[in-house]
Every structure is written in C-alpha cells, then in structure tokens.
Amino acid sequence: MKILITGGKGMLGRTLQKELVSDNELIIADLPEWDITDADAFTEKTIAAAPDIVIHCAAMTKVDDCETKRDLAFKLNEEGSRNVALACKAAGARLIAISTDYVFSGEPPREPWAWSETDIPRPRTVYGASKFAGEQMIHMIVPDATILRIAWLYGAGGPSFVHTMAKLGAQEGPALKVVNDQRGNPTSTKVVADVIRFLISHPDVSGIVHGTCEDQCTWYDLTVELFRLMGLKREVVPCTTEEFPRPAPRPRNSALKKSVLNVLGYRTPRWQDALRDFVASPDSGL
C-alpha cells in the first residue's frame, strides 16, 4: 500500500515511518518540498504520487504560539487541512487526519470524566479552535475521512513533556513543582501508530475516533511514574495550574473515551505500560 504522511518529519511522523515502512511504500510530505498551505501545488504533487492513504499529521501544535499567531494557526490547521482534504478527494485517497483533545473545553461537568467522540467540541484556545475548524473542513470535503484525536503525546526523540521532565529529573536542584490538577491520557507515538495501523486495516471506519492510552493521570502522576521507571531521585511536588500561568488556558480534563475503538474490539494499553515500554526503548532519546 502507498501511504503519504504529511508532517512526516515530526515526532509522530518519524514513528509512523518506522512502524509502517515494512509493509508499505511511504511518501514523506514535509517542508520544504511539500507545503500544505499551497493548495494547487499540494494537490498536483498528491495526484502525481497517487497514494492509497494520506495520514495528515502536519499542524501548528505549539499551543501558546497559536494564541499569539492566530492567523498562522488557522492558515496551517484549518486551511492546511482543507487543502489536504481537497488533494485527497482529487487523488481518490483515503484520509486519516490527526486532531486533538483541545477541541473540547477541558471543563467536565463531573468527575471522573472522559470526552466521548459524540461530545460537542467547545474549544477555549486558538489551537483547539483552529484544529476543530480543520476537522469541519475535512468532514465537509471528504465525508468518509477518519479523524483521529490524540492527546498528551510523547515519542522517540521528542520534543515532549516526558523528555523535558527526564532532563530536569537528571539534574540536581530544588524540588520540581508539577501541575496536579490537569488530567489526561499520556500516549506514546508508538500507541498512536498501532491505532493507525488498525484503522488502515479497517477501511470502513470513518468519522471521529479517539486514540489515546487507557487510564487517566495528572502531569504530576506522570512525572512521578517516569522518575520511578528511570530511577531518578529528584524530588517532585504537586502544584496548581494557577502557579504556572500560560498564554493559552490548559484543559483541566482532556481524557478521551475510546468508544469507537472499544466497539470494534480494540483496546489501547494503559498509559503506565506504554510509558514503561517507551523508557525501555533504546530509541526514546531520554
């Protein structure tokens, strides 16, 4: 099968290259050769490449930068997704597009909570709004596309929260304060690649799919478990979101319910197990 990966040089794209290359012919569509903001050129190159599937990973993902560069965020995340969808339609390729937990408000009505594929998005950030706009563009142009929402991502080589905390944990210094009132599903790029492989083998699955690890934790919980696995001794103490103000508000709960995958009989691993496997991997970059 011929698979085109937009943003193929990014953290998720690199893992997809490693995990999918043995069974498929891969086309890595990334800057400077491929530009999703140039609709005509991207469509022309996609038609010439004739992929069976396009995995759309390219996006502006730095949440705080999106707040200060709104126009650029929408150009990449909304218009870019529109252009990729148009190219897929023209080339007759199946589209699997990556989206995010940030499409939701992050303020659940009750605890514990996990957002379902059927819950109504109400983004509170420019990043979330631009990604949700991209989802809508894709639905409008390619109704049978698959949109895979992921969250709290880390992967080989980073950059990610896991890599940052591992580096800090190896240094001497005062106790590290880590936020303990935001919840989510830490998820490795390997887990996402496995979900995408499953979706590739099920061409009839379309619409919204959530693809994070099972179980919830806070950033503090994640750090404590990471340090335990790595044998790092630096002290970690919990703190509140208010102690670390950021330009873009962070969701209090971005945990995602895997309703579609579960109905299909697919179970993602617990976040603890995925993190253990990642720490043990020689390619992690930790």
C-alpha atoms as a PDB file:
ATOM      1  CA  MET A   1       0.000   0.000   0.000  1.00  0.00           C
ATOM      2  CA  LYS A   2       1.223   3.526  -0.786  1.00  0.00           C
ATOM      3  CA  ILE A   3       0.902   5.924   2.170  1.00  0.00           C
ATOM      4  CA  LEU A   4       1.613   9.670   2.119  1.00  0.00           C
ATOM      5  CA  ILE A   5       2.391  11.228   5.526  1.00  0.00           C
ATOM      6  CA  THR A   6       2.107  14.996   5.901  1.00  0.00           C
ATOM      7  CA  GLY A   7       4.386  16.370   8.592  1.00  0.00           C
ATOM      8  CA  GLY A   8       6.363  13.176   8.203  1.00  0.00           C
ATOM      9  CA  LYS A   9       9.491  14.639   9.784  1.00  0.00           C
ATOM     10  CA  GLY A  10       7.740  15.482  13.064  1.00  0.00           C
ATOM     11  CA  MET A  11       7.663  13.372  16.216  1.00  0.00           C
ATOM     12  CA  LEU A  12       4.597  11.323  15.219  1.00  0.00           C
ATOM     13  CA  GLY A  13       5.666  11.230  11.585  1.00  0.00           C
ATOM     14  CA  ARG A  14       9.041   9.747  12.463  1.00  0.00           C
ATOM     15  CA  THR A  15       7.400   6.948  14.446  1.00  0.00           C
ATOM     16  CA  LEU A  16       4.957   6.270  11.616  1.00  0.00           C
ATOM     17  CA  GLN A  17       7.889   5.970   9.225  1.00  0.00           C
ATOM     18  CA  LYS A  18       9.489   3.342  11.450  1.00  0.00           C
ATOM     19  CA  GLU A  19       6.304   1.405  12.173  1.00  0.00           C
ATOM     20  CA  LEU A  20       4.724   1.389   8.703  1.00  0.00           C
ATOM     21  CA  VAL A  21       7.694   1.142   6.355  1.00  0.00           C
ATOM     22  CA  SER A  22       7.990  -2.665   6.363  1.00  0.00           C
ATOM     23  CA  ASP A  23       4.517  -3.236   4.894  1.00  0.00           C
ATOM     24  CA  ASN A  24       4.023  -0.118   2.780  1.00  0.00           C
ATOM     25  CA  GLU A  25       5.573   2.333   0.364  1.00  0.00           C
ATOM     26  CA  LEU A  26       5.869   5.650   2.227  1.00  0.00           C
ATOM     27  CA  ILE A  27       5.896   9.183   0.838  1.00  0.00           C
ATOM     28  CA  ILE A  28       7.129  11.750   3.377  1.00  0.00           C
ATOM     29  CA  ALA A  29       5.354  15.024   2.618  1.00  0.00           C
ATOM     30  CA  ASP A  30       7.004  17.770   4.647  1.00  0.00           C
ATOM     31  CA  LEU A  31       8.620  21.159   4.181  1.00  0.00           C
ATOM     32  CA  PRO A  32      10.239  22.450   2.076  1.00  0.00           C
ATOM     33  CA  GLU A  33       9.236  20.070  -0.715  1.00  0.00           C
ATOM     34  CA  TRP A  34       5.581  19.789   0.329  1.00  0.00           C
ATOM     35  CA  ASP A  35       3.593  22.783   1.630  1.00  0.00           C
ATOM     36  CA  ILE A  36       0.020  22.192   2.791  1.00  0.00           C
ATOM     37  CA  THR A  37      -0.720  25.935   2.586  1.00  0.00           C
ATOM     38  CA  ASP A  38      -0.200  25.882  -1.206  1.00  0.00           C
ATOM     39  CA  ALA A  39      -3.411  24.221  -2.344  1.00  0.00           C
ATOM     40  CA  ASP A  40      -2.678  23.868  -6.048  1.00  0.00           C
ATOM     41  CA  ALA A  41       0.891  22.626  -5.644  1.00  0.00           C
ATOM     42  CA  PHE A  42      -0.053  20.187  -2.884  1.00  0.00           C
ATOM     43  CA  THR A  43      -2.908  18.737  -4.925  1.00  0.00           C
ATOM     44  CA  GLU A  44      -0.698  18.423  -8.004  1.00  0.00           C
ATOM     45  CA  LYS A  45       2.020  16.594  -6.080  1.00  0.00           C
ATOM     46  CA  THR A  46      -0.523  14.335  -4.347  1.00  0.00           C
ATOM     47  CA  ILE A  47      -2.156  13.335  -7.636  1.00  0.00           C
ATOM     48  CA  ALA A  48       1.287  12.580  -9.089  1.00  0.00           C
ATOM     49  CA  ALA A  49       2.230  10.472  -6.048  1.00  0.00           C
ATOM     50  CA  ALA A  50      -1.069   8.543  -6.256  1.00  0.00           C
ATOM     51  CA  PRO A  51      -1.235   7.401  -2.612  1.00  0.00           C
ATOM     52  CA  ASP A  52      -3.834   4.945  -1.375  1.00  0.00           C
ATOM     53  CA  ILE A  53      -3.933   6.655   2.028  1.00  0.00           C
ATOM     54  CA  VAL A  54      -2.913  10.079   3.316  1.00  0.00           C
ATOM     55  CA  ILE A  55      -2.097  10.357   7.033  1.00  0.00           C
ATOM     56  CA  HIS A  56      -2.348  14.061   7.843  1.00  0.00           C
ATOM     57  CA  CYS A  57      -0.062  14.905  10.771  1.00  0.00           C
ATOM     58  CA  ALA A  58       1.167  18.357   9.703  1.00  0.00           C
ATOM     59  CA  ALA A  59      -0.071  21.115  12.030  1.00  0.00           C
ATOM     60  CA  MET A  60       0.885  24.064  14.169  1.00  0.00           C
ATOM     61  CA  THR A  61       0.901  22.389  17.588  1.00  0.00           C
ATOM     62  CA  LYS A  62       2.647  24.862  19.904  1.00  0.00           C
ATOM     63  CA  VAL A  63      -0.380  25.880  21.926  1.00  0.00           C
ATOM     64  CA  ASP A  64       0.953  29.164  23.300  1.00  0.00           C
ATOM     65  CA  ASP A  65       2.340  30.262  19.923  1.00  0.00           C
ATOM     66  CA  CYS A  66      -1.109  29.739  18.423  1.00  0.00           C
ATOM     67  CA  GLU A  67      -2.544  32.298  20.875  1.00  0.00           C
ATOM     68  CA  THR A  68      -0.151  34.998  19.670  1.00  0.00           C
ATOM     69  CA  LYS A  69      -0.118  33.923  15.997  1.00  0.00           C
ATOM     70  CA  ARG A  70      -3.807  33.305  15.373  1.00  0.00           C
ATOM     71  CA  ASP A  71      -3.725  33.886  11.615  1.00  0.00           C
ATOM     72  CA  LEU A  72      -0.855  31.446  11.145  1.00  0.00           C
ATOM     73  CA  ALA A  73      -2.575  28.832  13.328  1.00  0.00           C
ATOM     74  CA  PHE A  74      -5.727  28.938  11.203  1.00  0.00           C
ATOM     75  CA  LYS A  75      -3.719  29.027   7.984  1.00  0.00           C
ATOM     76  CA  LEU A  76      -1.952  25.797   8.915  1.00  0.00           C
ATOM     77  CA  ASN A  77      -4.598  23.954  10.916  1.00  0.00           C
ATOM     78  CA  GLU A  78      -7.782  24.963   9.086  1.00  0.00           C
ATOM     79  CA  GLU A  79      -6.721  25.968   5.570  1.00  0.00           C
ATOM     80  CA  GLY A  80      -3.932  23.385   5.511  1.00  0.00           C
ATOM     81  CA  SER A  81      -6.387  20.622   6.421  1.00  0.00           C
ATOM     82  CA  ARG A  82      -8.785  21.930   3.769  1.00  0.00           C
ATOM     83  CA  ASN A  83      -6.033  21.710   1.169  1.00  0.00           C
ATOM     84  CA  VAL A  84      -5.063  18.184   2.217  1.00  0.00           C
ATOM     85  CA  ALA A  85      -8.710  17.102   2.044  1.00  0.00           C
ATOM     86  CA  LEU A  86      -9.110  18.612  -1.431  1.00  0.00           C
ATOM     87  CA  ALA A  87      -5.953  16.815  -2.560  1.00  0.00           C
ATOM     88  CA  CYS A  88      -7.248  13.502  -1.207  1.00  0.00           C
ATOM     89  CA  LYS A  89     -10.554  13.995  -2.985  1.00  0.00           C
ATOM     90  CA  ALA A  90      -8.781  14.773  -6.249  1.00  0.00           C
ATOM     91  CA  ALA A  91      -6.400  11.820  -5.899  1.00  0.00           C
ATOM     92  CA  GLY A  92      -9.038   9.368  -4.668  1.00  0.00           C
ATOM     93  CA  ALA A  93      -7.045   8.665  -1.496  1.00  0.00           C
ATOM     94  CA  ARG A  94      -8.404   7.720   1.895  1.00  0.00           C
ATOM     95  CA  LEU A  95      -7.714  10.387   4.531  1.00  0.00           C
ATOM     96  CA  ILE A  96      -6.750   9.732   8.157  1.00  0.00           C
ATOM     97  CA  ALA A  97      -6.252  13.097   9.881  1.00  0.00           C
ATOM     98  CA  ILE A  98      -4.758  13.715  13.317  1.00  0.00           C
ATOM     99  CA  SER A  99      -6.627  16.019  15.694  1.00  0.00           C
ATOM    100  CA  THR A 100      -6.519  16.835  19.395  1.00  0.00           C
ATOM    101  CA  ASP A 101      -8.200  16.815  22.787  1.00  0.00           C
ATOM    102  CA  TYR A 102      -8.027  20.625  22.724  1.00  0.00           C
ATOM    103  CA  VAL A 103     -11.214  20.724  20.633  1.00  0.00           C
ATOM    104  CA  PHE A 104     -13.029  20.251  23.958  1.00  0.00           C
ATOM    105  CA  SER A 105     -13.430  22.834  26.708  1.00  0.00           C
ATOM    106  CA  GLY A 106     -11.488  20.757  29.221  1.00  0.00           C
ATOM    107  CA  GLU A 107     -14.043  21.632  31.882  1.00  0.00           C
ATOM    108  CA  PRO A 108     -16.023  18.422  32.500  1.00  0.00           C
ATOM    109  CA  PRO A 109     -19.419  18.588  34.223  1.00  0.00           C
ATOM    110  CA  ARG A 110     -18.458  15.867  36.667  1.00  0.00           C
ATOM    111  CA  GLU A 111     -15.501  13.766  37.801  1.00  0.00           C
ATOM    112  CA  PRO A 112     -14.177  11.349  36.730  1.00  0.00           C
ATOM    113  CA  TRP A 113     -14.792  12.249  33.118  1.00  0.00           C
ATOM    114  CA  ALA A 114     -13.584  11.324  29.673  1.00  0.00           C
ATOM    115  CA  TRP A 115     -14.716  13.032  26.477  1.00  0.00           C
ATOM    116  CA  SER A 116     -16.546  10.803  24.004  1.00  0.00           C
ATOM    117  CA  GLU A 117     -16.459  11.031  20.221  1.00  0.00           C
ATOM    118  CA  THR A 118     -20.085  12.225  20.372  1.00  0.00           C
ATOM    119  CA  ASP A 119     -19.471  15.088  22.827  1.00  0.00           C
ATOM    120  CA  ILE A 120     -19.778  18.574  21.350  1.00  0.00           C
ATOM    121  CA  PRO A 121     -16.428  20.385  20.919  1.00  0.00           C
ATOM    122  CA  ARG A 122     -16.150  23.778  22.591  1.00  0.00           C
ATOM    123  CA  PRO A 123     -12.506  24.819  22.248  1.00  0.00           C
ATOM    124  CA  ARG A 124     -11.138  27.502  24.582  1.00  0.00           C
ATOM    125  CA  THR A 125      -7.843  28.121  22.778  1.00  0.00           C
ATOM    126  CA  VAL A 126      -6.790  29.275  19.314  1.00  0.00           C
ATOM    127  CA  TYR A 127      -5.053  25.928  18.854  1.00  0.00           C
ATOM    128  CA  GLY A 128      -8.220  23.997  19.684  1.00  0.00           C
ATOM    129  CA  ALA A 129     -10.425  26.277  17.583  1.00  0.00           C
ATOM    130  CA  SER A 130      -8.129  26.033  14.560  1.00  0.00           C
ATOM    131  CA  LYS A 131      -7.921  22.237  14.815  1.00  0.00           C
ATOM    132  CA  PHE A 132     -11.697  21.941  15.172  1.00  0.00           C
ATOM    133  CA  ALA A 133     -12.112  24.192  12.128  1.00  0.00           C
ATOM    134  CA  GLY A 134      -9.784  21.808  10.304  1.00  0.00           C
ATOM    135  CA  GLU A 135     -11.959  18.858  11.361  1.00  0.00           C
ATOM    136  CA  GLN A 136     -15.021  20.603   9.957  1.00  0.00           C
ATOM    137  CA  MET A 137     -13.280  21.341   6.655  1.00  0.00           C
ATOM    138  CA  ILE A 138     -12.284  17.698   6.329  1.00  0.00           C
ATOM    139  CA  HIS A 139     -15.807  16.458   7.110  1.00  0.00           C
ATOM    140  CA  MET A 140     -17.264  18.819   4.518  1.00  0.00           C
ATOM    141  CA  ILE A 141     -14.858  17.866   1.711  1.00  0.00           C
ATOM    142  CA  VAL A 142     -14.225  14.179   2.470  1.00  0.00           C
ATOM    143  CA  PRO A 143     -17.234  12.901   4.461  1.00  0.00           C
ATOM    144  CA  ASP A 144     -15.769   9.407   4.807  1.00  0.00           C
ATOM    145  CA  ALA A 145     -12.435  10.611   6.229  1.00  0.00           C
ATOM    146  CA  THR A 146     -11.228   9.324   9.606  1.00  0.00           C
ATOM    147  CA  ILE A 147     -10.259  11.929  12.199  1.00  0.00           C
ATOM    148  CA  LEU A 148      -8.101  10.520  14.986  1.00  0.00           C
ATOM    149  CA  ARG A 149      -7.940  12.646  18.135  1.00  0.00           C
ATOM    150  CA  ILE A 150      -4.903  12.132  20.358  1.00  0.00           C
ATOM    151  CA  ALA A 151      -3.523  13.835  23.476  1.00  0.00           C
ATOM    152  CA  TRP A 152      -0.510  14.225  25.785  1.00  0.00           C
ATOM    153  CA  LEU A 153       1.768  12.842  23.087  1.00  0.00           C
ATOM    154  CA  TYR A 154       5.385  11.796  23.521  1.00  0.00           C
ATOM    155  CA  GLY A 155       7.661   9.839  21.222  1.00  0.00           C
ATOM    156  CA  ALA A 156      11.191   8.963  20.183  1.00  0.00           C
ATOM    157  CA  GLY A 157      13.443  11.991  20.020  1.00  0.00           C
ATOM    158  CA  GLY A 158      10.803  14.380  21.352  1.00  0.00           C
ATOM    159  CA  PRO A 159      10.211  17.171  21.976  1.00  0.00           C
ATOM    160  CA  SER A 160       7.670  16.343  24.676  1.00  0.00           C
ATOM    161  CA  PHE A 161       6.805  16.823  28.339  1.00  0.00           C
ATOM    162  CA  VAL A 162       8.335  13.415  29.067  1.00  0.00           C
ATOM    163  CA  HIS A 163      11.681  14.435  27.562  1.00  0.00           C
ATOM    164  CA  THR A 164      11.688  17.761  29.410  1.00  0.00           C
ATOM    165  CA  MET A 165      10.967  16.163  32.780  1.00  0.00           C
ATOM    166  CA  ALA A 166      13.526  13.388  32.226  1.00  0.00           C
ATOM    167  CA  LYS A 167      16.185  16.026  31.581  1.00  0.00           C
ATOM    168  CA  LEU A 168      15.194  18.047  34.647  1.00  0.00           C
ATOM    169  CA  GLY A 169      14.985  14.933  36.796  1.00  0.00           C
ATOM    170  CA  ALA A 170      18.576  14.033  35.976  1.00  0.00           C
ATOM    171  CA  GLN A 171      19.781  17.429  37.228  1.00  0.00           C
ATOM    172  CA  GLU A 172      20.428  18.421  40.801  1.00  0.00           C
ATOM    173  CA  GLY A 173      18.325  21.172  42.296  1.00  0.00           C
ATOM    174  CA  PRO A 174      15.305  22.007  44.416  1.00  0.00           C
ATOM    175  CA  ALA A 175      12.107  20.027  44.234  1.00  0.00           C
ATOM    176  CA  LEU A 176      10.300  20.256  40.884  1.00  0.00           C
ATOM    177  CA  LYS A 177       6.794  21.644  41.005  1.00  0.00           C
ATOM    178  CA  VAL A 178       4.467  19.809  38.610  1.00  0.00           C
ATOM    179  CA  VAL A 179       0.801  20.561  37.961  1.00  0.00           C
ATOM    180  CA  ASN A 180      -1.553  18.148  39.706  1.00  0.00           C
ATOM    181  CA  ASP A 181      -4.994  19.488  38.725  1.00  0.00           C
ATOM    182  CA  GLN A 182      -4.995  18.715  34.998  1.00  0.00           C
ATOM    183  CA  ARG A 183      -5.943  15.209  33.901  1.00  0.00           C
ATOM    184  CA  GLY A 184      -5.418  13.330  30.674  1.00  0.00           C
ATOM    185  CA  ASN A 185      -4.174  10.176  28.924  1.00  0.00           C
ATOM    186  CA  PRO A 186      -0.400  10.211  28.306  1.00  0.00           C
ATOM    187  CA  THR A 187       0.081   8.476  24.957  1.00  0.00           C
ATOM    188  CA  SER A 188       3.170   7.378  23.057  1.00  0.00           C
ATOM    189  CA  THR A 189       3.561   7.799  19.315  1.00  0.00           C
ATOM    190  CA  LYS A 190       4.010   4.024  19.172  1.00  0.00           C
ATOM    191  CA  VAL A 191       0.493   3.538  20.542  1.00  0.00           C
ATOM    192  CA  VAL A 192      -0.869   6.040  18.014  1.00  0.00           C
ATOM    193  CA  ALA A 193       0.971   4.231  15.206  1.00  0.00           C
ATOM    194  CA  ASP A 194      -0.616   0.954  16.319  1.00  0.00           C
ATOM    195  CA  VAL A 195      -4.069   2.576  16.280  1.00  0.00           C
ATOM    196  CA  ILE A 196      -3.420   3.952  12.795  1.00  0.00           C
ATOM    197  CA  ARG A 197      -2.317   0.518  11.592  1.00  0.00           C
ATOM    198  CA  PHE A 198      -5.607  -0.863  12.928  1.00  0.00           C
ATOM    199  CA  LEU A 199      -7.570   1.882  11.145  1.00  0.00           C
ATOM    200  CA  ILE A 200      -5.716   1.171   7.906  1.00  0.00           C
ATOM    201  CA  SER A 201      -6.842  -2.464   8.166  1.00  0.00           C
ATOM    202  CA  HIS A 202     -10.454  -1.298   8.695  1.00  0.00           C
ATOM    203  CA  PRO A 203     -11.224   0.946   5.701  1.00  0.00           C
ATOM    204  CA  ASP A 204     -14.912   1.136   6.647  1.00  0.00           C
ATOM    205  CA  VAL A 205     -14.159   3.086   9.858  1.00  0.00           C
ATOM    206  CA  SER A 206     -14.776   6.789   9.292  1.00  0.00           C
ATOM    207  CA  GLY A 207     -15.693   9.849  11.345  1.00  0.00           C
ATOM    208  CA  ILE A 208     -14.259  10.718  14.751  1.00  0.00           C
ATOM    209  CA  VAL A 209     -12.078   8.179  16.581  1.00  0.00           C
ATOM    210  CA  HIS A 210     -10.287   8.737  19.893  1.00  0.00           C
ATOM    211  CA  GLY A 211      -6.889   7.031  20.114  1.00  0.00           C
ATOM    212  CA  THR A 212      -5.165   7.653  23.434  1.00  0.00           C
ATOM    213  CA  CYS A 213      -3.897   5.228  26.085  1.00  0.00           C
ATOM    214  CA  GLU A 214      -6.254   3.927  28.748  1.00  0.00           C
ATOM    215  CA  ASP A 215      -6.499   5.330  32.293  1.00  0.00           C
ATOM    216  CA  GLN A 216      -6.132   8.921  33.438  1.00  0.00           C
ATOM    217  CA  CYS A 217      -3.469  10.742  35.425  1.00  0.00           C
ATOM    218  CA  THR A 218      -2.168  14.236  36.132  1.00  0.00           C
ATOM    219  CA  TRP A 219       1.114  15.724  34.944  1.00  0.00           C
ATOM    220  CA  TYR A 220       2.380  15.178  38.492  1.00  0.00           C
ATOM    221  CA  ASP A 221       1.386  11.492  38.400  1.00  0.00           C
ATOM    222  CA  LEU A 222       3.113  11.104  35.036  1.00  0.00           C
ATOM    223  CA  THR A 223       6.311  12.684  36.325  1.00  0.00           C
ATOM    224  CA  VAL A 224       6.388  10.533  39.455  1.00  0.00           C
ATOM    225  CA  GLU A 225       5.966   7.361  37.382  1.00  0.00           C
ATOM    226  CA  LEU A 226       8.591   8.486  34.851  1.00  0.00           C
ATOM    227  CA  PHE A 227      11.132   9.153  37.607  1.00  0.00           C
ATOM    228  CA  ARG A 228      10.363   5.785  39.190  1.00  0.00           C
ATOM    229  CA  LEU A 229      10.940   3.970  35.902  1.00  0.00           C
ATOM    230  CA  MET A 230      14.165   5.871  35.221  1.00  0.00           C
ATOM    231  CA  GLY A 231      15.482   5.664  38.774  1.00  0.00           C
ATOM    232  CA  LEU A 232      15.645   9.466  39.098  1.00  0.00           C
ATOM    233  CA  LYS A 233      15.805  10.768  42.665  1.00  0.00           C
ATOM    234  CA  ARG A 234      14.983  14.448  42.284  1.00  0.00           C
ATOM    235  CA  GLU A 235      12.010  15.401  44.449  1.00  0.00           C
ATOM    236  CA  VAL A 236       8.682  16.208  42.777  1.00  0.00           C
ATOM    237  CA  VAL A 237       5.908  18.157  44.495  1.00  0.00           C
ATOM    238  CA  PRO A 238       2.375  18.827  43.248  1.00  0.00           C
ATOM    239  CA  CYS A 239       1.152  22.328  42.430  1.00  0.00           C
ATOM    240  CA  THR A 240      -1.866  24.028  40.861  1.00  0.00           C
ATOM    241  CA  THR A 241      -2.426  25.336  37.365  1.00  0.00           C
ATOM    242  CA  GLU A 242      -2.574  28.878  38.755  1.00  0.00           C
ATOM    243  CA  GLU A 243       1.056  28.606  39.862  1.00  0.00           C
ATOM    244  CA  PHE A 244       2.136  28.261  36.220  1.00  0.00           C
ATOM    245  CA  PRO A 245       0.081  30.756  34.167  1.00  0.00           C
ATOM    246  CA  ARG A 246       0.372  30.313  30.391  1.00  0.00           C
ATOM    247  CA  PRO A 247      -0.884  32.366  27.421  1.00  0.00           C
ATOM    248  CA  ALA A 248      -3.271  29.559  26.424  1.00  0.00           C
ATOM    249  CA  PRO A 249      -5.537  28.048  29.110  1.00  0.00           C
ATOM    250  CA  ARG A 250      -4.827  24.380  29.763  1.00  0.00           C
ATOM    251  CA  PRO A 251      -7.741  21.924  29.991  1.00  0.00           C
ATOM    252  CA  ARG A 252      -8.497  20.616  33.467  1.00  0.00           C
ATOM    253  CA  ASN A 253      -9.522  17.281  31.980  1.00  0.00           C
ATOM    254  CA  SER A 254      -8.650  16.228  28.439  1.00  0.00           C
ATOM    255  CA  ALA A 255      -9.063  12.490  28.925  1.00  0.00           C
ATOM    256  CA  LEU A 256     -10.618  10.818  25.879  1.00  0.00           C
ATOM    257  CA  LYS A 257     -13.025   7.878  25.878  1.00  0.00           C
ATOM    258  CA  LYS A 258     -12.219   5.294  23.182  1.00  0.00           C
ATOM    259  CA  SER A 259     -15.837   4.391  22.382  1.00  0.00           C
ATOM    260  CA  VAL A 260     -15.341   3.634  18.678  1.00  0.00           C
ATOM    261  CA  LEU A 261     -12.215   1.520  19.141  1.00  0.00           C
ATOM    262  CA  ASN A 262     -13.816  -0.368  22.029  1.00  0.00           C
ATOM    263  CA  VAL A 263     -16.911  -1.201  19.967  1.00  0.00           C
ATOM    264  CA  LEU A 264     -14.559  -2.596  17.315  1.00  0.00           C
ATOM    265  CA  GLY A 265     -12.866  -4.758  19.967  1.00  0.00           C
ATOM    266  CA  TYR A 266      -9.626  -2.753  20.044  1.00  0.00           C
ATOM    267  CA  ARG A 267      -8.040  -1.798  23.365  1.00  0.00           C
ATOM    268  CA  THR A 268      -5.159   0.607  23.744  1.00  0.00           C
ATOM    269  CA  PRO A 269      -2.641  -0.117  26.540  1.00  0.00           C
ATOM    270  CA  ARG A 270      -2.679   1.582  29.932  1.00  0.00           C
ATOM    271  CA  TRP A 271      -0.584   4.733  29.961  1.00  0.00           C
ATOM    272  CA  GLN A 272       1.684   3.191  32.605  1.00  0.00           C
ATOM    273  CA  ASP A 273       2.504   0.222  30.360  1.00  0.00           C
ATOM    274  CA  ALA A 274       3.136   2.400  27.306  1.00  0.00           C
ATOM    275  CA  LEU A 275       5.443   4.655  29.333  1.00  0.00           C
ATOM    276  CA  ARG A 276       7.344   1.643  30.674  1.00  0.00           C
ATOM    277  CA  ASP A 277       7.893   0.351  27.154  1.00  0.00           C
ATOM    278  CA  PHE A 278       8.996   3.788  25.968  1.00  0.00           C
ATOM    279  CA  VAL A 279      11.541   4.238  28.775  1.00  0.00           C
ATOM    280  CA  ALA A 280      12.970   0.804  27.976  1.00  0.00           C
ATOM    281  CA  SER A 281      13.270   1.618  24.262  1.00  0.00           C
ATOM    282  CA  PRO A 282      16.785   2.462  23.015  1.00  0.00           C
ATOM    283  CA  ASP A 283      15.227   4.942  20.575  1.00  0.00           C
ATOM    284  CA  SER A 284      13.398   7.023  23.182  1.00  0.00           C
ATOM    285  CA  GLY A 285      16.011   9.758  23.379  1.00  0.00           C
ATOM    286  CA  LEU A 286      15.654  10.016  27.157  1.00  0.00           C
END
